[in-house]
Protein backbone atom coordinates (compact mmCIF):
# COMPACT_ATOMS: atom_id res chain seq x y z
CA MET A 1 46.85 145.20 155.84
CA GLN A 2 49.36 143.52 153.50
CA GLU A 3 52.38 145.57 154.63
CA LYS A 4 52.27 143.95 158.07
CA LEU A 5 51.82 140.39 156.85
CA TYR A 6 54.68 137.95 156.49
CA LEU A 7 55.48 134.26 156.56
CA ARG A 8 57.74 132.83 159.21
CA SER A 9 59.11 129.32 159.38
CA VAL A 10 57.38 126.97 161.80
CA THR A 11 59.37 125.75 164.82
CA ILE A 12 58.67 123.08 167.40
CA ASP A 13 57.30 125.89 169.60
CA ASP A 14 54.30 126.02 167.23
CA LEU A 15 53.26 122.46 168.11
CA ASN A 16 50.19 123.39 170.20
CA LEU A 17 49.00 126.13 167.84
CA LEU A 18 49.20 123.84 164.81
CA PHE A 19 47.55 121.03 166.78
CA GLU A 20 44.63 123.32 167.62
CA TRP A 21 44.30 124.39 163.99
CA VAL A 22 44.57 120.90 162.48
CA ASN A 23 41.70 119.59 164.61
CA GLU A 24 39.40 122.57 164.06
CA PRO A 25 36.13 121.17 162.59
CA ALA A 26 36.26 123.04 159.26
CA VAL A 27 39.87 121.97 158.71
CA ARG A 28 39.00 118.32 159.33
CA LYS A 29 35.96 118.65 157.02
CA ASN A 30 38.10 120.06 154.19
CA SER A 31 40.90 117.50 154.64
CA PHE A 32 41.07 114.23 152.76
CA ASN A 33 41.77 112.53 156.09
CA MET A 34 38.81 113.74 158.13
CA ASN A 35 39.78 111.90 161.34
CA ILE A 36 40.79 113.83 164.47
CA ILE A 37 44.58 113.88 164.84
CA SER A 38 46.03 112.80 168.20
CA MET A 39 48.75 114.87 169.86
CA ASP A 40 51.19 111.95 169.52
CA GLU A 41 50.50 111.69 165.77
CA HIS A 42 50.77 115.44 165.38
CA ALA A 43 54.03 115.75 167.34
CA ALA A 44 55.64 112.93 165.33
CA TRP A 45 54.44 114.53 162.08
CA LEU A 46 55.80 117.96 163.02
CA GLU A 47 59.19 116.57 164.03
CA ARG A 48 59.37 114.72 160.70
CA VAL A 49 58.32 117.80 158.68
CA LEU A 50 60.79 120.10 160.43
CA THR A 51 63.68 117.86 159.38
CA ASP A 52 62.40 117.17 155.84
CA PHE A 53 64.45 119.09 153.29
CA ASN A 54 61.59 118.78 150.77
CA THR A 55 58.98 120.41 153.00
CA LYS A 56 58.56 124.08 153.83
CA LEU A 57 56.10 124.96 156.59
CA TYR A 58 55.19 128.56 157.35
CA ILE A 59 52.84 130.53 159.55
CA LEU A 60 51.21 133.68 158.23
CA GLN A 61 51.71 136.45 160.78
CA GLU A 62 50.35 139.95 161.18
CA GLU A 63 52.81 141.49 163.61
CA ASP A 64 52.65 138.99 166.53
CA THR A 65 49.33 137.38 165.57
CA PRO A 66 49.37 134.01 163.76
CA LEU A 67 46.64 133.87 161.10
CA GLY A 68 47.18 130.58 159.28
CA GLN A 69 49.63 128.02 157.99
CA VAL A 70 50.86 126.86 154.61
CA ARG A 71 52.84 123.74 153.78
CA LEU A 72 54.77 123.20 150.55
CA THR A 73 56.02 119.68 149.90
CA TYR A 74 58.28 118.91 146.96
CA ASP A 75 57.50 115.53 145.44
CA THR A 76 58.11 114.25 141.92
CA ASN A 77 59.02 117.68 140.48
CA VAL A 78 55.91 119.34 141.94
CA TRP A 79 55.33 121.56 145.00
CA GLN A 80 52.15 120.31 146.66
CA ILE A 81 50.29 122.99 148.61
CA SER A 82 48.22 122.65 151.74
CA TYR A 83 47.01 125.62 153.75
CA SER A 84 44.48 126.70 156.34
CA ILE A 85 43.43 129.96 157.91
CA ALA A 86 42.60 130.24 161.61
CA PRO A 87 38.82 130.38 162.20
CA ALA A 88 38.73 134.01 163.38
CA TYR A 89 40.45 135.20 160.18
CA ARG A 90 38.57 133.32 157.46
CA ALA A 91 36.69 135.11 154.67
CA GLN A 92 38.96 138.17 155.03
CA GLY A 93 41.31 137.60 152.07
CA TYR A 94 44.07 135.81 153.99
CA GLY A 95 43.82 132.61 151.93
CA LYS A 96 44.87 134.47 148.80
CA ILE A 97 47.61 136.33 150.65
CA ILE A 98 49.13 133.23 152.26
CA LEU A 99 49.35 131.52 148.87
CA GLN A 100 50.89 134.61 147.25
CA LEU A 101 53.49 134.84 150.00
CA ALA A 102 54.26 131.12 149.73
CA GLU A 103 54.80 131.46 146.01
CA ASN A 104 57.12 134.42 146.63
CA GLU A 105 59.13 132.26 149.09
CA LEU A 106 59.62 129.66 146.36
CA ILE A 107 60.68 132.36 143.89
CA ARG A 108 63.23 133.68 146.41
CA GLY A 109 64.50 130.12 146.82
CA GLY A 110 65.19 129.79 143.10
CA HIS A 111 62.28 127.50 142.25
CA THR A 112 61.04 129.36 139.18
CA GLY A 113 59.86 127.12 136.38
CA GLU A 114 58.70 124.48 138.86
CA GLN A 115 55.09 123.45 139.24
CA LEU A 116 52.63 124.12 142.08
CA TYR A 117 49.79 121.67 142.70
CA ALA A 118 46.79 121.73 145.04
CA GLU A 119 43.72 119.60 145.55
CA VAL A 120 40.54 121.09 146.96
CA LYS A 121 37.45 119.19 148.02
CA LYS A 122 34.43 119.91 145.84
CA ASP A 123 32.48 121.61 148.63
CA ASN A 124 35.35 123.97 149.52
CA THR A 125 34.30 126.71 147.12
CA ALA A 126 36.30 129.43 148.91
CA SER A 127 39.62 127.70 148.17
CA GLN A 128 38.53 126.91 144.62
CA ARG A 129 37.90 130.61 143.98
CA ILE A 130 41.29 131.57 145.47
CA PHE A 131 43.28 129.19 143.26
CA LYS A 132 41.41 130.37 140.16
CA LYS A 133 42.01 134.05 141.07
CA LEU A 134 45.72 133.33 141.43
CA GLY A 135 45.97 131.93 137.92
CA TYR A 136 45.96 128.21 138.67
CA HIS A 137 44.55 125.92 136.00
CA GLU A 138 42.19 123.09 136.77
CA VAL A 139 43.57 119.62 136.04
CA ALA A 140 42.48 116.05 136.77
CA SER A 141 42.32 115.33 140.49
CA GLN A 142 43.70 112.27 142.25
CA HIS A 143 40.50 112.17 144.37
CA GLU A 144 36.99 111.79 142.96
CA ASN A 145 35.52 114.32 145.43
CA ALA A 146 38.02 117.09 144.61
CA PHE A 147 39.27 119.57 142.07
CA ALA A 148 42.97 119.91 141.35
CA TYR A 149 44.84 123.04 140.36
CA THR A 150 48.29 123.63 138.94
CA LYS A 151 50.48 126.59 138.10
CA VAL A 152 54.08 127.12 137.02
CA ILE A 153 56.14 129.37 139.28
CA THR A 154 57.28 132.42 137.31
CA LYS A 155 60.18 134.73 138.02
CA GLU A 156 57.87 137.61 138.86
CA LYS A 157 56.85 138.16 142.45
CA ILE A 158 53.14 138.53 142.83
CA HIS A 159 52.30 142.22 142.78
CA GLY A 160 51.21 143.92 145.97
CA ILE A 161 52.88 141.34 148.19
CA GLU A 162 56.48 141.48 149.35
């Protein structure tokens, strides 16, 4: 499975796919902003993100099939992580893989020694398990209904993922 998986950069052509994913009920439930996103809001957000030097937005692909998305935003010396897996591909190990591949992208970009940070709502136990398995450490969260995780990017690519 892993040999065929890769991250590709998001383009404006991904607008409708990302719009569908962002408004999927489980994604809204696990987001800190649980409101439905309008197409106008989403389009403006994507245009802004695609021109933001401090944001990297990728889609996890298996050959021609998109499986999920991951966003890395650099702010105050920390890479903040946000990701989601498409409904048909959840609970199949893709959450761990997308995060490993994202970390490898940062390593390739020369970001070793920098910090990764993610916040996960307390009822999102699947994501909590993934961050712990990947060696993230729990830290104080900025939200009372969440756990926060941090990790320093090392020079080593994560084994088993290229």
